[in-house]
Every structure is written in C-alpha cells, then in structure tokens.
C-alpha cells in the first residue's frame, strides 16, 4: 500500500494574534494559566480553550444564554395551558 501524503503545515498568522495601537503591541487573546506566557487560548463562540493542555474557560456569552432559557420555558407553558379543540 502507498503511504498517505502529508499536507503542508500552515505558517503562523501573527497578524491575527497581535494588535498594534500606536507604538504599543498588545495580544488579542488571553494566555493559558496552566501553560504560561507564550501559549494563547483560542477564542470560540462560548468558551476560551488552550490548544496545548486542553484547559477551558466559559465566557460571559454562555452565562447570558442560561439566563434567557427560563424566559423561553415560560412561553412554552403559556401555550400548553390553552385547550386544543378536536375536529369531529
């Protein structure tokens, strides 16, 4: 059997990780608390994760979703209270 060809590795996209304000350079993403400086955490929709050790932190976006869920349940209860008529 023939061996699979490996895909070439993508170069690091430094312009996506750092931000320049005037003459200062700052990091966009947070560093991993377990791995230390130099290891960035990936910013996802609802969490921040470390690619090296797998450490994860939930962001405020997920906390807001939990607050909204009880409101949706109240709407469902209101719909259930209305009696349904059966057709003869």
PDB file of N, CA and C in Angstrom:
ATOM      1  N   UNK A   1       0.828  -1.178   0.000  1.00  0.00           N
ATOM      2  CA  UNK A   1       0.000   0.000   0.000  1.00  0.00           C
ATOM      3  C   UNK A   1       0.874   1.244   0.000  1.00  0.00           C
ATOM      4  N   UNK A   2       0.373   2.247  -0.667  1.00  0.00           N
ATOM      5  CA  UNK A   2       1.093   3.509  -0.727  1.00  0.00           C
ATOM      6  C   UNK A   2       0.811   4.332   0.530  1.00  0.00           C
ATOM      7  N   UNK A   3       1.817   5.089   0.966  1.00  0.00           N
ATOM      8  CA  UNK A   3       1.651   5.938   2.141  1.00  0.00           C
ATOM      9  C   UNK A   3       0.861   7.183   1.773  1.00  0.00           C
ATOM     10  N   UNK A   4       0.119   7.712   2.743  1.00  0.00           N
ATOM     11  CA  UNK A   4      -0.639   8.940   2.525  1.00  0.00           C
ATOM     12  C   UNK A   4       0.310  10.120   2.480  1.00  0.00           C
ATOM     13  N   UNK A   5      -0.015  11.069   1.619  1.00  0.00           N
ATOM     14  CA  UNK A   5       0.804  12.271   1.552  1.00  0.00           C
ATOM     15  C   UNK A   5       0.390  13.219   2.664  1.00  0.00           C
ATOM     16  N   UNK A   6       1.381  13.819   3.327  1.00  0.00           N
ATOM     17  CA  UNK A   6       1.104  14.769   4.389  1.00  0.00           C
ATOM     18  C   UNK A   6       0.828  16.137   3.794  1.00  0.00           C
ATOM     19  N   UNK A   7      -0.139  16.837   4.390  1.00  0.00           N
ATOM     20  CA  UNK A   7      -0.439  18.191   3.952  1.00  0.00           C
ATOM     21  C   UNK A   7       0.635  19.132   4.496  1.00  0.00           C
ATOM     22  N   UNK A   8       1.001  20.143   3.729  1.00  0.00           N
ATOM     23  CA  UNK A   8       2.000  21.086   4.240  1.00  0.00           C
ATOM     24  C   UNK A   8       1.426  21.887   5.408  1.00  0.00           C
ATOM     25  N   UNK A   9       2.257  22.148   6.414  1.00  0.00           N
ATOM     26  CA  UNK A   9       1.835  22.873   7.601  1.00  0.00           C
ATOM     27  C   UNK A   9       1.641  24.352   7.277  1.00  0.00           C
ATOM     28  N   UNK A  10       0.553  24.944   7.787  1.00  0.00           N
ATOM     29  CA  UNK A  10       0.283  26.355   7.551  1.00  0.00           C
ATOM     30  C   UNK A  10       1.196  27.202   8.436  1.00  0.00           C
ATOM     31  N   UNK A  11       1.699  28.321   7.918  1.00  0.00           N
ATOM     32  CA  UNK A  11       2.527  29.191   8.750  1.00  0.00           C
ATOM     33  C   UNK A  11       1.666  29.932   9.779  1.00  0.00           C
ATOM     34  N   UNK A  12       2.281  30.355  10.882  1.00  0.00           N
ATOM     35  CA  UNK A  12       1.557  31.113  11.898  1.00  0.00           C
ATOM     36  C   UNK A  12       1.110  32.448  11.334  1.00  0.00           C
ATOM     37  N   UNK A  13      -0.119  32.824  11.632  1.00  0.00           N
ATOM     38  CA  UNK A  13      -0.670  34.089  11.159  1.00  0.00           C
ATOM     39  C   UNK A  13      -0.588  35.104  12.303  1.00  0.00           C
ATOM     40  N   UNK A  14       0.570  35.712  12.450  1.00  0.00           N
ATOM     41  CA  UNK A  14       0.872  36.586  13.571  1.00  0.00           C
ATOM     42  C   UNK A  14      -0.055  37.795  13.599  1.00  0.00           C
ATOM     43  N   UNK A  15      -0.470  38.289  12.452  1.00  0.00           N
ATOM     44  CA  UNK A  15      -1.314  39.486  12.415  1.00  0.00           C
ATOM     45  C   UNK A  15      -2.686  39.246  13.026  1.00  0.00           C
ATOM     46  N   UNK A  16      -3.085  37.994  13.218  1.00  0.00           N
ATOM     47  CA  UNK A  16      -4.362  37.689  13.840  1.00  0.00           C
ATOM     48  C   UNK A  16      -4.244  37.564  15.361  1.00  0.00           C
ATOM     49  N   UNK A  17      -3.045  37.435  15.876  1.00  0.00           N
ATOM     50  CA  UNK A  17      -2.831  37.212  17.304  1.00  0.00           C
ATOM     51  C   UNK A  17      -2.459  38.504  18.035  1.00  0.00           C
ATOM     52  N   UNK A  18      -1.798  39.420  17.376  1.00  0.00           N
ATOM     53  CA  UNK A  18      -1.349  40.664  18.000  1.00  0.00           C
ATOM     54  C   UNK A  18      -2.078  41.859  17.403  1.00  0.00           C
ATOM     55  N   UNK A  19      -2.146  42.949  18.177  1.00  0.00           N
ATOM     56  CA  UNK A  19      -2.795  44.171  17.741  1.00  0.00           C
ATOM     57  C   UNK A  19      -1.865  45.342  18.024  1.00  0.00           C
ATOM     58  N   UNK A  20      -1.748  46.252  17.079  1.00  0.00           N
ATOM     59  CA  UNK A  20      -0.856  47.384  17.233  1.00  0.00           C
ATOM     60  C   UNK A  20      -1.673  48.652  17.470  1.00  0.00           C
ATOM     61  N   UNK A  21      -1.407  49.321  18.591  1.00  0.00           N
ATOM     62  CA  UNK A  21      -2.052  50.591  18.919  1.00  0.00           C
ATOM     63  C   UNK A  21      -0.952  51.634  19.084  1.00  0.00           C
ATOM     64  N   UNK A  22      -0.823  52.480  18.085  1.00  0.00           N
ATOM     65  CA  UNK A  22       0.268  53.462  18.127  1.00  0.00           C
ATOM     66  C   UNK A  22       1.604  52.751  18.021  1.00  0.00           C
ATOM     67  N   UNK A  23       2.432  52.897  19.033  1.00  0.00           N
ATOM     68  CA  UNK A  23       3.714  52.198  19.053  1.00  0.00           C
ATOM     69  C   UNK A  23       3.703  50.994  19.973  1.00  0.00           C
ATOM     70  N   UNK A  24       2.574  50.734  20.632  1.00  0.00           N
ATOM     71  CA  UNK A  24       2.467  49.591  21.533  1.00  0.00           C
ATOM     72  C   UNK A  24       1.905  48.383  20.796  1.00  0.00           C
ATOM     73  N   UNK A  25       2.377  47.212  21.171  1.00  0.00           N
ATOM     74  CA  UNK A  25       1.869  45.959  20.611  1.00  0.00           C
ATOM     75  C   UNK A  25       1.215  45.197  21.762  1.00  0.00           C
ATOM     76  N   UNK A  26      -0.037  44.780  21.563  1.00  0.00           N
ATOM     77  CA  UNK A  26      -0.751  44.030  22.596  1.00  0.00           C
ATOM     78  C   UNK A  26      -1.289  42.731  22.013  1.00  0.00           C
ATOM     79  N   UNK A  27      -1.540  41.776  22.904  1.00  0.00           N
ATOM     80  CA  UNK A  27      -2.080  40.481  22.493  1.00  0.00           C
ATOM     81  C   UNK A  27      -3.592  40.531  22.489  1.00  0.00           C
ATOM     82  N   UNK A  28      -4.212  39.920  21.495  1.00  0.00           N
ATOM     83  CA  UNK A  28      -5.670  39.901  21.409  1.00  0.00           C
ATOM     84  C   UNK A  28      -6.263  38.852  22.347  1.00  0.00           C
ATOM     85  N   UNK A  29      -5.707  37.657  22.362  1.00  0.00           N
ATOM     86  CA  UNK A  29      -6.251  36.570  23.168  1.00  0.00           C
ATOM     87  C   UNK A  29      -5.507  36.444  24.490  1.00  0.00           C
ATOM     88  N   UNK A  30      -6.148  35.795  25.431  1.00  0.00           N
ATOM     89  CA  UNK A  30      -5.614  35.572  26.760  1.00  0.00           C
ATOM     90  C   UNK A  30      -4.581  34.443  26.742  1.00  0.00           C
ATOM     91  N   UNK A  31      -3.605  34.483  27.657  1.00  0.00           N
ATOM     92  CA  UNK A  31      -2.636  33.400  27.802  1.00  0.00           C
ATOM     93  C   UNK A  31      -3.232  32.295  28.662  1.00  0.00           C
ATOM     94  N   UNK A  32      -2.767  31.083  28.466  1.00  0.00           N
ATOM     95  CA  UNK A  32      -3.229  29.946  29.251  1.00  0.00           C
ATOM     96  C   UNK A  32      -2.650  30.036  30.663  1.00  0.00           C
ATOM     97  N   UNK A  33      -3.501  29.915  31.712  1.00  0.00           N
ATOM     98  CA  UNK A  33      -2.969  29.987  33.073  1.00  0.00           C
ATOM     99  C   UNK A  33      -2.137  28.768  33.471  1.00  0.00           C
ATOM    100  N   UNK A  34      -2.370  27.625  32.845  1.00  0.00           N
ATOM    101  CA  UNK A  34      -1.599  26.422  33.172  1.00  0.00           C
ATOM    102  C   UNK A  34      -0.266  26.388  32.433  1.00  0.00           C
ATOM    103  N   UNK A  35      -0.278  26.699  31.149  1.00  0.00           N
ATOM    104  CA  UNK A  35       0.927  26.606  30.314  1.00  0.00           C
ATOM    105  C   UNK A  35       1.837  27.816  30.470  1.00  0.00           C
ATOM    106  N   UNK A  36       1.283  28.965  30.791  1.00  0.00           N
ATOM    107  CA  UNK A  36       2.082  30.163  30.988  1.00  0.00           C
ATOM    108  C   UNK A  36       2.120  31.044  29.757  1.00  0.00           C
ATOM    109  N   UNK A  37       2.991  32.048  29.824  1.00  0.00           N
ATOM    110  CA  UNK A  37       3.112  33.023  28.738  1.00  0.00           C
ATOM    111  C   UNK A  37       3.608  32.334  27.467  1.00  0.00           C
ATOM    112  N   UNK A  38       3.089  32.771  26.337  1.00  0.00           N
ATOM    113  CA  UNK A  38       3.503  32.208  25.059  1.00  0.00           C
ATOM    114  C   UNK A  38       2.515  31.219  24.486  1.00  0.00           C
ATOM    115  N   UNK A  39       1.560  30.773  25.301  1.00  0.00           N
ATOM    116  CA  UNK A  39       0.538  29.850  24.817  1.00  0.00           C
ATOM    117  C   UNK A  39      -0.803  30.563  24.886  1.00  0.00           C
ATOM    118  N   UNK A  40      -1.326  30.901  23.717  1.00  0.00           N
ATOM    119  CA  UNK A  40      -2.581  31.626  23.636  1.00  0.00           C
ATOM    120  C   UNK A  40      -3.765  30.674  23.749  1.00  0.00           C
ATOM    121  N   UNK A  41      -4.863  31.208  24.236  1.00  0.00           N
ATOM    122  CA  UNK A  41      -6.104  30.452  24.285  1.00  0.00           C
ATOM    123  C   UNK A  41      -6.937  30.836  23.071  1.00  0.00           C
ATOM    124  N   UNK A  42      -7.543  29.854  22.439  1.00  0.00           N
ATOM    125  CA  UNK A  42      -8.369  30.100  21.257  1.00  0.00           C
ATOM    126  C   UNK A  42      -9.704  30.665  21.701  1.00  0.00           C
ATOM    127  N   UNK A  43     -10.171  31.692  21.010  1.00  0.00           N
ATOM    128  CA  UNK A  43     -11.452  32.324  21.340  1.00  0.00           C
ATOM    129  C   UNK A  43     -12.546  31.716  20.481  1.00  0.00           C
ATOM    130  N   UNK A  44     -13.437  30.950  21.115  1.00  0.00           N
ATOM    131  CA  UNK A  44     -14.581  30.370  20.442  1.00  0.00           C
ATOM    132  C   UNK A  44     -15.824  31.182  20.786  1.00  0.00           C
ATOM    133  N   UNK A  45     -16.955  30.769  20.279  1.00  0.00           N
ATOM    134  CA  UNK A  45     -18.211  31.491  20.493  1.00  0.00           C
ATOM    135  C   UNK A  45     -18.582  31.562  21.980  1.00  0.00           C
ATOM    136  N   UNK A  46     -18.469  30.449  22.680  1.00  0.00           N
ATOM    137  CA  UNK A  46     -18.919  30.384  24.058  1.00  0.00           C
ATOM    138  C   UNK A  46     -17.832  29.995  25.058  1.00  0.00           C
ATOM    139  N   UNK A  47     -16.575  29.908  24.617  1.00  0.00           N
ATOM    140  CA  UNK A  47     -15.513  29.463  25.522  1.00  0.00           C
ATOM    141  C   UNK A  47     -14.143  29.909  25.029  1.00  0.00           C
ATOM    142  N   UNK A  48     -13.153  29.783  25.911  1.00  0.00           N
ATOM    143  CA  UNK A  48     -11.750  30.007  25.564  1.00  0.00           C
ATOM    144  C   UNK A  48     -11.027  28.698  25.874  1.00  0.00           C
ATOM    145  N   UNK A  49     -10.251  28.167  24.925  1.00  0.00           N
ATOM    146  CA  UNK A  49      -9.568  26.895  25.133  1.00  0.00           C
ATOM    147  C   UNK A  49      -8.092  26.996  24.797  1.00  0.00           C
ATOM    148  N   UNK A  50      -7.289  26.170  25.472  1.00  0.00           N
ATOM    149  CA  UNK A  50      -5.855  26.083  25.205  1.00  0.00           C
ATOM    150  C   UNK A  50      -5.628  24.889  24.288  1.00  0.00           C
ATOM    151  N   UNK A  51      -4.865  25.085  23.238  1.00  0.00           N
ATOM    152  CA  UNK A  51      -4.601  24.007  22.290  1.00  0.00           C
ATOM    153  C   UNK A  51      -3.579  23.018  22.779  1.00  0.00           C
ATOM    154  N   UNK A  52      -2.771  23.404  23.760  1.00  0.00           N
ATOM    155  CA  UNK A  52      -1.728  22.510  24.244  1.00  0.00           C
ATOM    156  C   UNK A  52      -2.237  21.567  25.329  1.00  0.00           C
ATOM    157  N   UNK A  53      -2.817  22.127  26.392  1.00  0.00           N
ATOM    158  CA  UNK A  53      -3.219  21.292  27.527  1.00  0.00           C
ATOM    159  C   UNK A  53      -4.716  20.988  27.572  1.00  0.00           C
ATOM    160  N   UNK A  54      -5.534  21.736  26.812  1.00  0.00           N
ATOM    161  CA  UNK A  54      -6.969  21.483  26.780  1.00  0.00           C
ATOM    162  C   UNK A  54      -7.745  22.240  27.840  1.00  0.00           C
ATOM    163  N   UNK A  55      -7.102  23.156  28.554  1.00  0.00           N
ATOM    164  CA  UNK A  55      -7.783  23.963  29.572  1.00  0.00           C
ATOM    165  C   UNK A  55      -8.888  24.775  28.914  1.00  0.00           C
ATOM    166  N   UNK A  56     -10.060  24.897  29.598  1.00  0.00           N
ATOM    167  CA  UNK A  56     -11.189  25.611  29.023  1.00  0.00           C
ATOM    168  C   UNK A  56     -11.830  26.534  30.049  1.00  0.00           C
ATOM    169  N   UNK A  57     -12.211  27.730  29.586  1.00  0.00           N
ATOM    170  CA  UNK A  57     -12.957  28.681  30.409  1.00  0.00           C
ATOM    171  C   UNK A  57     -14.214  29.061  29.646  1.00  0.00           C
ATOM    172  N   UNK A  58     -15.333  29.125  30.340  1.00  0.00           N
ATOM    173  CA  UNK A  58     -16.583  29.547  29.713  1.00  0.00           C
ATOM    174  C   UNK A  58     -16.640  31.065  29.745  1.00  0.00           C
ATOM    175  N   UNK A  59     -17.163  31.660  28.678  1.00  0.00           N
ATOM    176  CA  UNK A  59     -17.231  33.113  28.594  1.00  0.00           C
ATOM    177  C   UNK A  59     -18.596  33.618  29.047  1.00  0.00           C
ATOM    178  N   UNK A  60     -18.745  34.918  29.082  1.00  0.00           N
ATOM    179  CA  UNK A  60     -19.984  35.551  29.526  1.00  0.00           C
ATOM    180  C   UNK A  60     -21.136  35.260  28.582  1.00  0.00           C
ATOM    181  N   UNK A  61     -20.864  34.979  27.323  1.00  0.00           N
ATOM    182  CA  UNK A  61     -21.920  34.709  26.350  1.00  0.00           C
ATOM    183  C   UNK A  61     -22.750  33.498  26.772  1.00  0.00           C
ATOM    184  N   UNK A  62     -22.112  32.486  27.322  1.00  0.00           N
ATOM    185  CA  UNK A  62     -22.832  31.277  27.742  1.00  0.00           C
ATOM    186  C   UNK A  62     -23.647  31.552  29.001  1.00  0.00           C
ATOM    187  N   UNK A  63     -23.152  32.404  29.887  1.00  0.00           N
ATOM    188  CA  UNK A  63     -23.889  32.743  31.098  1.00  0.00           C
ATOM    189  C   UNK A  63     -25.170  33.484  30.750  1.00  0.00           C
ATOM    190  N   UNK A  64     -25.132  34.336  29.725  1.00  0.00           N
ATOM    191  CA  UNK A  64     -26.315  35.068  29.297  1.00  0.00           C
ATOM    192  C   UNK A  64     -27.362  34.122  28.707  1.00  0.00           C
ATOM    193  N   UNK A  65     -26.911  33.093  27.994  1.00  0.00           N
ATOM    194  CA  UNK A  65     -27.832  32.123  27.409  1.00  0.00           C
ATOM    195  C   UNK A  65     -28.604  31.385  28.499  1.00  0.00           C
ATOM    196  N   UNK A  66     -27.939  31.083  29.612  1.00  0.00           N
ATOM    197  CA  UNK A  66     -28.598  30.391  30.713  1.00  0.00           C
ATOM    198  C   UNK A  66     -29.691  31.263  31.315  1.00  0.00           C
ATOM    199  N   UNK A  67     -29.476  32.575  31.362  1.00  0.00           N
ATOM    200  CA  UNK A  67     -30.470  33.483  31.899  1.00  0.00           C
ATOM    201  C   UNK A  67     -31.685  33.576  30.979  1.00  0.00           C
ATOM    202  N   UNK A  68     -31.483  33.455  29.682  1.00  0.00           N
ATOM    203  CA  UNK A  68     -32.569  33.555  28.714  1.00  0.00           C
ATOM    204  C   UNK A  68     -33.440  32.300  28.661  1.00  0.00           C
ATOM    205  N   UNK A  69     -32.915  31.155  29.014  1.00  0.00           N
ATOM    206  CA  UNK A  69     -33.649  29.900  28.920  1.00  0.00           C
ATOM    207  C   UNK A  69     -34.929  29.878  29.751  1.00  0.00           C
ATOM    208  N   UNK A  70     -34.945  30.367  31.000  1.00  0.00           N
ATOM    209  CA  UNK A  70     -36.202  30.348  31.748  1.00  0.00           C
ATOM    210  C   UNK A  70     -37.311  31.151  31.069  1.00  0.00           C
ATOM    211  N   UNK A  71     -36.977  32.226  30.367  1.00  0.00           N
ATOM    212  CA  UNK A  71     -37.969  33.014  29.657  1.00  0.00           C
ATOM    213  C   UNK A  71     -38.627  32.185  28.560  1.00  0.00           C
ATOM    214  N   UNK A  72     -37.852  31.400  27.861  1.00  0.00           N
ATOM    215  CA  UNK A  72     -38.382  30.561  26.788  1.00  0.00           C
ATOM    216  C   UNK A  72     -39.308  29.490  27.342  1.00  0.00           C
ATOM    217  N   UNK A  73     -38.971  28.943  28.505  1.00  0.00           N
ATOM    218  CA  UNK A  73     -39.798  27.913  29.115  1.00  0.00           C
ATOM    219  C   UNK A  73     -41.148  28.474  29.529  1.00  0.00           C
ATOM    220  N   UNK A  74     -41.193  29.733  29.984  1.00  0.00           N
ATOM    221  CA  UNK A  74     -42.453  30.357  30.372  1.00  0.00           C
ATOM    222  C   UNK A  74     -43.389  30.472  29.170  1.00  0.00           C
ATOM    223  N   UNK A  75     -42.854  30.810  28.015  1.00  0.00           N
ATOM    224  CA  UNK A  75     -43.661  30.927  26.811  1.00  0.00           C
ATOM    225  C   UNK A  75     -44.267  29.582  26.432  1.00  0.00           C
ATOM    226  N   UNK A  76     -43.500  28.512  26.583  1.00  0.00           N
ATOM    227  CA  UNK A  76     -43.990  27.178  26.257  1.00  0.00           C
ATOM    228  C   UNK A  76     -45.126  26.785  27.183  1.00  0.00           C
ATOM    229  N   UNK A  77     -45.024  27.146  28.482  1.00  0.00           N
ATOM    230  CA  UNK A  77     -46.060  26.805  29.438  1.00  0.00           C
ATOM    231  C   UNK A  77     -47.365  27.517  29.096  1.00  0.00           C
ATOM    232  N   UNK A  78     -47.284  28.771  28.649  1.00  0.00           N
ATOM    233  CA  UNK A  78     -48.472  29.524  28.279  1.00  0.00           C
ATOM    234  C   UNK A  78     -49.198  28.864  27.109  1.00  0.00           C
ATOM    235  N   UNK A  79     -48.455  28.354  26.158  1.00  0.00           N
ATOM    236  CA  UNK A  79     -49.045  27.690  25.004  1.00  0.00           C
ATOM    237  C   UNK A  79     -49.721  26.383  25.405  1.00  0.00           C
ATOM    238  N   UNK A  80     -49.161  25.677  26.366  1.00  0.00           N
ATOM    239  CA  UNK A  80     -49.719  24.396  26.798  1.00  0.00           C
ATOM    240  C   UNK A  80     -51.031  24.575  27.540  1.00  0.00           C
ATOM    241  N   UNK A  81     -51.224  25.713  28.212  1.00  0.00           N
ATOM    242  CA  UNK A  81     -52.422  25.938  29.001  1.00  0.00           C
ATOM    243  C   UNK A  81     -53.662  26.094  28.113  1.00  0.00           C
ATOM    244  N   UNK A  82     -53.496  26.615  26.923  1.00  0.00           N
ATOM    245  CA  UNK A  82     -54.641  26.803  26.035  1.00  0.00           C
ATOM    246  C   UNK A  82     -55.150  25.441  25.566  1.00  0.00           C
ATOM    247  N   UNK A  83     -56.484  25.160  25.751  1.00  0.00           N
ATOM    248  CA  UNK A  83     -57.021  23.836  25.342  1.00  0.00           C
ATOM    249  C   UNK A  83     -57.117  23.746  23.821  1.00  0.00           C
ATOM    250  N   UNK A  84     -56.849  22.573  23.322  1.00  0.00           N
ATOM    251  CA  UNK A  84     -56.951  22.325  21.889  1.00  0.00           C
ATOM    252  C   UNK A  84     -58.321  21.728  21.559  1.00  0.00           C
ATOM    253  N   UNK A  85     -58.923  22.209  20.499  1.00  0.00           N
ATOM    254  CA  UNK A  85     -60.229  21.688  20.086  1.00  0.00           C
ATOM    255  C   UNK A  85     -60.029  20.548  19.097  1.00  0.00           C
ATOM    256  N   UNK A  86     -60.829  19.510  19.294  1.00  0.00           N
ATOM    257  CA  UNK A  86     -60.751  18.364  18.381  1.00  0.00           C
ATOM    258  C   UNK A  86     -61.820  18.513  17.313  1.00  0.00           C
ATOM    259  N   UNK A  87     -61.456  18.164  16.105  1.00  0.00           N
ATOM    260  CA  UNK A  87     -62.415  18.208  14.994  1.00  0.00           C
ATOM    261  C   UNK A  87     -63.209  16.904  14.953  1.00  0.00           C
ATOM    262  N   UNK A  88     -64.576  16.988  14.778  1.00  0.00           N
ATOM    263  CA  UNK A  88     -65.385  15.750  14.742  1.00  0.00           C
ATOM    264  C   UNK A  88     -65.226  14.969  13.464  1.00  0.00           C
TER     265      UNK A  88
END
